[in-house]
Amino acid sequence: MLGRNEQAKPAAANAAGDGVAETVALDLIRSFLPEVAPAEAPPDSVDDALALADRLQRTYAPTLWPHVWRAWRKRWGLTAVLAVLETGLMRRGGQIETSGAQYLSGILGRNRRQAPAPEATLQAMRASRRAPGLALGRSGRGARS
């Protein structure tokens, strides 16, 4: 409880995002960028990745209000970059029928705590490409009925 003359201090904004390691994020971006934007050069730094995310957002979630995207980009950092990359992959793969802005909002918006982290989703997608049988669960071989 606060005393009579004390004021609650707002939580400090985490400018670095929510803790995605830079090396992991850049590795995931380099892995999936050729599928989403083959003409784009892979980013060498966080600043390059953020600039790339701005371009991808305009392509895959163009109806997202610019001030909302800027706020998410500032708040989530590399997580926002990975989220817009995931949105691009899902749109190009035909796996989402909603707008890219709506999908991106599900990852970074109010329900952020309920949505899986984009780095986890991208790592799972990469793992399923390397070992497709593992991603699908049990195959018919060796399973008892």
Protein backbone atom coordinates (compact mmCIF):
# COMPACT_ATOMS: atom_id res chain seq x y z
CA MET A 1 0.00 0.00 0.00
CA LEU A 2 1.15 3.50 -0.74
CA GLY A 3 1.49 6.19 1.87
CA ARG A 4 -0.42 9.44 1.67
CA ASN A 5 2.34 11.32 -0.16
CA GLU A 6 3.55 8.45 -2.34
CA GLN A 7 2.59 7.93 -5.94
CA ALA A 8 2.60 4.73 -7.92
CA LYS A 9 5.34 4.62 -10.50
CA PRO A 10 4.41 3.32 -13.94
CA ALA A 11 6.27 0.27 -15.16
CA ALA A 12 9.27 1.17 -17.25
CA ALA A 13 8.86 0.40 -20.93
CA ASN A 14 11.22 -2.28 -22.09
CA ALA A 15 12.76 -0.66 -25.16
CA ALA A 16 14.69 -3.79 -26.06
CA GLY A 17 11.55 -5.85 -26.52
CA ASP A 18 10.67 -8.91 -24.54
CA GLY A 19 13.96 -10.70 -24.45
CA VAL A 20 14.50 -12.38 -27.83
CA ALA A 21 18.21 -12.92 -28.26
CA GLU A 22 19.60 -10.89 -31.15
CA THR A 23 21.49 -13.85 -32.61
CA VAL A 24 18.39 -16.08 -32.53
CA ALA A 25 16.21 -13.40 -34.10
CA LEU A 26 18.66 -12.60 -36.90
CA ASP A 27 19.14 -16.32 -37.59
CA LEU A 28 15.38 -16.86 -37.88
CA ILE A 29 15.03 -13.82 -40.13
CA ARG A 30 17.80 -15.08 -42.42
CA SER A 31 16.16 -18.52 -42.55
CA PHE A 32 12.70 -17.33 -43.62
CA LEU A 33 13.36 -14.07 -45.47
CA PRO A 34 13.90 -15.71 -48.89
CA GLU A 35 10.34 -17.08 -48.75
CA VAL A 36 8.70 -13.82 -47.75
CA ALA A 37 10.83 -11.26 -49.60
CA PRO A 38 13.38 -12.88 -51.92
CA ALA A 39 14.61 -9.52 -53.21
CA GLU A 40 15.50 -8.25 -49.72
CA ALA A 41 19.04 -8.57 -48.38
CA PRO A 42 19.33 -10.37 -45.03
CA PRO A 43 19.78 -7.93 -42.14
CA ASP A 44 23.18 -7.62 -40.49
CA SER A 45 22.02 -5.73 -37.41
CA VAL A 46 18.97 -5.00 -35.31
CA ASP A 47 18.53 -1.65 -37.05
CA ASP A 48 18.50 -3.37 -40.44
CA ALA A 49 15.97 -5.89 -39.13
CA LEU A 50 13.67 -3.13 -37.85
CA ALA A 51 13.83 -1.30 -41.19
CA LEU A 52 13.06 -4.58 -42.95
CA ALA A 53 10.08 -5.13 -40.64
CA ASP A 54 8.70 -1.73 -41.60
CA ARG A 55 8.74 -2.74 -45.28
CA LEU A 56 7.26 -6.19 -44.58
CA GLN A 57 4.50 -4.67 -42.45
CA ARG A 58 3.47 -2.40 -45.31
CA THR A 59 3.36 -5.43 -47.62
CA TYR A 60 1.70 -8.07 -45.44
CA ALA A 61 -0.35 -5.98 -42.99
CA PRO A 62 -1.03 -2.76 -44.91
CA THR A 63 -4.30 -1.98 -43.12
CA LEU A 64 -2.60 -1.78 -39.73
CA TRP A 65 -2.63 1.81 -38.51
CA PRO A 66 0.88 3.27 -38.75
CA HIS A 67 0.87 4.63 -35.19
CA VAL A 68 -0.10 1.19 -33.85
CA TRP A 69 2.74 -0.48 -35.75
CA ARG A 70 5.24 2.15 -34.51
CA ALA A 71 4.11 1.59 -30.91
CA TRP A 72 4.41 -2.20 -31.20
CA ARG A 73 7.78 -1.92 -32.93
CA LYS A 74 9.06 0.34 -30.15
CA ARG A 75 7.64 -1.86 -27.39
CA TRP A 76 8.46 -5.33 -28.73
CA GLY A 77 11.61 -4.71 -30.81
CA LEU A 78 12.85 -7.93 -32.40
CA THR A 79 9.68 -9.76 -31.39
CA ALA A 80 7.75 -7.37 -33.63
CA VAL A 81 10.14 -8.14 -36.48
CA LEU A 82 9.59 -11.88 -36.03
CA ALA A 83 5.83 -11.39 -35.74
CA VAL A 84 5.61 -9.54 -39.05
CA LEU A 85 7.83 -12.21 -40.64
CA GLU A 86 5.48 -14.91 -39.33
CA THR A 87 2.52 -12.93 -40.70
CA GLY A 88 4.16 -12.81 -44.12
CA LEU A 89 4.83 -16.55 -44.08
CA MET A 90 1.24 -17.33 -43.11
CA ARG A 91 -0.22 -15.00 -45.74
CA ARG A 92 2.01 -16.34 -48.52
CA GLY A 93 1.29 -19.90 -47.48
CA GLY A 94 -2.46 -19.27 -47.55
CA GLN A 95 -2.80 -20.34 -43.93
CA ILE A 96 -4.68 -17.25 -42.79
CA GLU A 97 -7.78 -15.83 -44.34
CA THR A 98 -8.00 -12.79 -42.10
CA SER A 99 -6.13 -9.64 -42.89
CA GLY A 100 -2.45 -9.55 -42.07
CA ALA A 101 -3.17 -6.69 -39.69
CA GLN A 102 -5.66 -8.82 -37.78
CA TYR A 103 -3.21 -11.72 -37.57
CA LEU A 104 -0.38 -9.44 -36.47
CA SER A 105 -2.68 -7.89 -33.90
CA GLY A 106 -3.31 -11.34 -32.46
CA ILE A 107 0.42 -11.78 -31.91
CA LEU A 108 1.38 -8.33 -30.64
CA GLY A 109 -1.87 -6.73 -29.51
CA ARG A 110 -3.93 -7.00 -26.37
CA ASN A 111 -3.86 -10.80 -26.31
CA ARG A 112 -0.05 -10.91 -26.41
CA ARG A 113 0.18 -13.16 -23.36
CA GLN A 114 -2.17 -15.72 -24.90
CA ALA A 115 -0.46 -15.90 -28.29
CA PRO A 116 2.58 -18.09 -28.79
CA ALA A 117 5.81 -16.16 -29.11
CA PRO A 118 6.72 -15.63 -32.76
CA GLU A 119 10.24 -16.95 -32.23
CA ALA A 120 8.79 -20.22 -30.90
CA THR A 121 6.44 -20.50 -33.88
CA LEU A 122 9.24 -19.82 -36.37
CA GLN A 123 11.58 -22.29 -34.65
CA ALA A 124 8.85 -24.94 -34.79
CA MET A 125 8.28 -24.22 -38.49
CA ARG A 126 12.00 -24.57 -39.17
CA ALA A 127 12.18 -27.81 -37.18
CA SER A 128 9.22 -29.28 -39.07
CA ARG A 129 11.03 -28.62 -42.35
CA ARG A 130 14.11 -30.44 -41.17
CA ALA A 131 12.21 -33.46 -39.83
CA PRO A 132 8.68 -33.45 -41.28
CA GLY A 133 7.65 -36.70 -39.57
CA LEU A 134 8.37 -35.35 -36.11
CA ALA A 135 6.20 -32.29 -36.56
CA LEU A 136 3.16 -34.34 -37.46
CA GLY A 137 3.26 -36.47 -34.36
CA ARG A 138 3.24 -40.23 -34.61
CA SER A 139 3.38 -41.83 -37.98
CA GLY A 140 1.47 -45.02 -38.62
CA ARG A 141 4.58 -47.17 -38.20
CA GLY A 142 5.02 -48.84 -34.87
CA ALA A 143 1.90 -47.40 -33.30
CA ARG A 144 -0.46 -49.82 -31.63
CA SER A 145 -4.16 -49.54 -32.12
